[in-house]
Amino acid sequence: MECVSQKERLKMINKNHASLSTRKQCELLGIWRSSVYYSPSQPSANETVLANEIHDIWLDKPAYGYRKITEKLRRKGYDINEYCD
């Protein structure tokens, strides 16, 4: 099955097969069951804006760690949670 891509093997899964369960099909095809049910989610607009802001701070000050970046974001008005050590 190594010559067939995982994407192609996922297309072979029939969730409504009469005699083969999804579990057995995954086992036979050598793929994880979770990959059958996985659907990627798009990041929210807020997450994208925050990620861009973090990237901009990092470009300006690459030596800053998460504490300094968090501090700068808070000064800009972002509500950032505390990091738990």
Protein backbone atom coordinates (compact mmCIF):
# COMPACT_ATOMS: atom_id res chain seq x y z
CA MET A 1 0.00 0.00 0.00
CA GLU A 2 3.01 2.30 0.23
CA CYS A 3 2.85 3.15 -3.49
CA VAL A 4 -0.70 4.50 -3.01
CA SER A 5 -0.86 7.86 -1.23
CA GLN A 6 -2.75 8.27 2.01
CA LYS A 7 -5.14 10.67 0.29
CA GLU A 8 -6.01 7.96 -2.26
CA ARG A 9 -6.42 5.34 0.47
CA LEU A 10 -8.78 7.67 2.36
CA LYS A 11 -10.94 7.91 -0.77
CA MET A 12 -11.24 4.10 -0.75
CA ILE A 13 -13.03 4.10 2.63
CA ASN A 14 -16.75 3.39 2.40
CA LYS A 15 -18.38 4.28 5.72
CA ASN A 16 -21.60 2.48 4.71
CA HIS A 17 -20.03 -0.78 3.57
CA ALA A 18 -22.31 -3.75 4.29
CA SER A 19 -19.75 -6.23 5.60
CA LEU A 20 -16.58 -4.22 6.38
CA SER A 21 -16.56 -1.79 9.26
CA THR A 22 -14.67 1.49 8.98
CA ARG A 23 -12.23 0.14 11.57
CA LYS A 24 -11.46 -2.95 9.50
CA GLN A 25 -11.14 -0.94 6.27
CA CYS A 26 -8.64 1.38 7.96
CA GLU A 27 -6.68 -1.57 9.30
CA LEU A 28 -6.53 -3.18 5.85
CA LEU A 29 -5.49 0.08 4.18
CA GLY A 30 -2.93 0.92 6.86
CA ILE A 31 -4.37 4.29 7.88
CA TRP A 32 -5.48 5.71 11.22
CA ARG A 33 -9.22 5.84 11.82
CA SER A 34 -8.95 9.41 13.07
CA SER A 35 -7.75 10.51 9.63
CA VAL A 36 -11.08 9.31 8.18
CA TYR A 37 -13.05 11.61 10.49
CA TYR A 38 -10.64 14.57 10.48
CA SER A 39 -11.81 17.79 8.88
CA PRO A 40 -9.45 20.79 9.08
CA SER A 41 -10.80 24.01 10.52
CA GLN A 42 -10.00 27.51 9.34
CA PRO A 43 -8.53 29.89 11.92
CA SER A 44 -10.85 32.67 13.02
CA ALA A 45 -10.23 36.25 11.91
CA ASN A 46 -9.17 37.16 15.48
CA GLU A 47 -6.59 34.37 15.56
CA THR A 48 -5.19 35.48 12.22
CA VAL A 49 -4.92 39.12 13.33
CA LEU A 50 -3.24 38.09 16.59
CA ALA A 51 -0.82 35.75 14.78
CA ASN A 52 0.11 38.57 12.38
CA GLU A 53 0.63 40.94 15.32
CA ILE A 54 2.91 38.42 17.05
CA HIS A 55 4.85 37.96 13.82
CA ASP A 56 5.26 41.73 13.41
CA ILE A 57 6.61 42.05 16.97
CA TRP A 58 8.98 39.16 16.36
CA LEU A 59 10.23 40.72 13.10
CA ASP A 60 10.90 43.98 14.95
CA LYS A 61 12.50 42.33 18.00
CA PRO A 62 13.53 38.71 17.26
CA ALA A 63 15.22 38.35 20.64
CA TYR A 64 11.92 38.81 22.50
CA GLY A 65 10.54 35.75 24.23
CA TYR A 66 6.91 34.98 24.94
CA ARG A 67 6.83 37.14 28.08
CA LYS A 68 7.97 40.30 26.28
CA ILE A 69 5.69 39.62 23.33
CA THR A 70 2.75 39.05 25.70
CA GLU A 71 3.56 42.30 27.49
CA LYS A 72 3.66 44.22 24.21
CA LEU A 73 0.37 42.73 23.08
CA ARG A 74 -1.29 43.68 26.36
CA ARG A 75 -0.04 47.26 25.96
CA LYS A 76 -1.69 47.26 22.52
CA GLY A 77 -4.99 46.27 24.13
CA TYR A 78 -5.11 42.52 23.51
CA ASP A 79 -6.60 40.37 26.27
CA ILE A 80 -3.89 37.71 26.68
CA ASN A 81 -4.10 34.94 29.30
CA GLU A 82 -1.25 34.10 31.64
CA TYR A 83 1.04 31.29 30.59
CA CYS A 84 1.12 28.47 33.15
CA ASP A 85 4.63 27.17 33.88
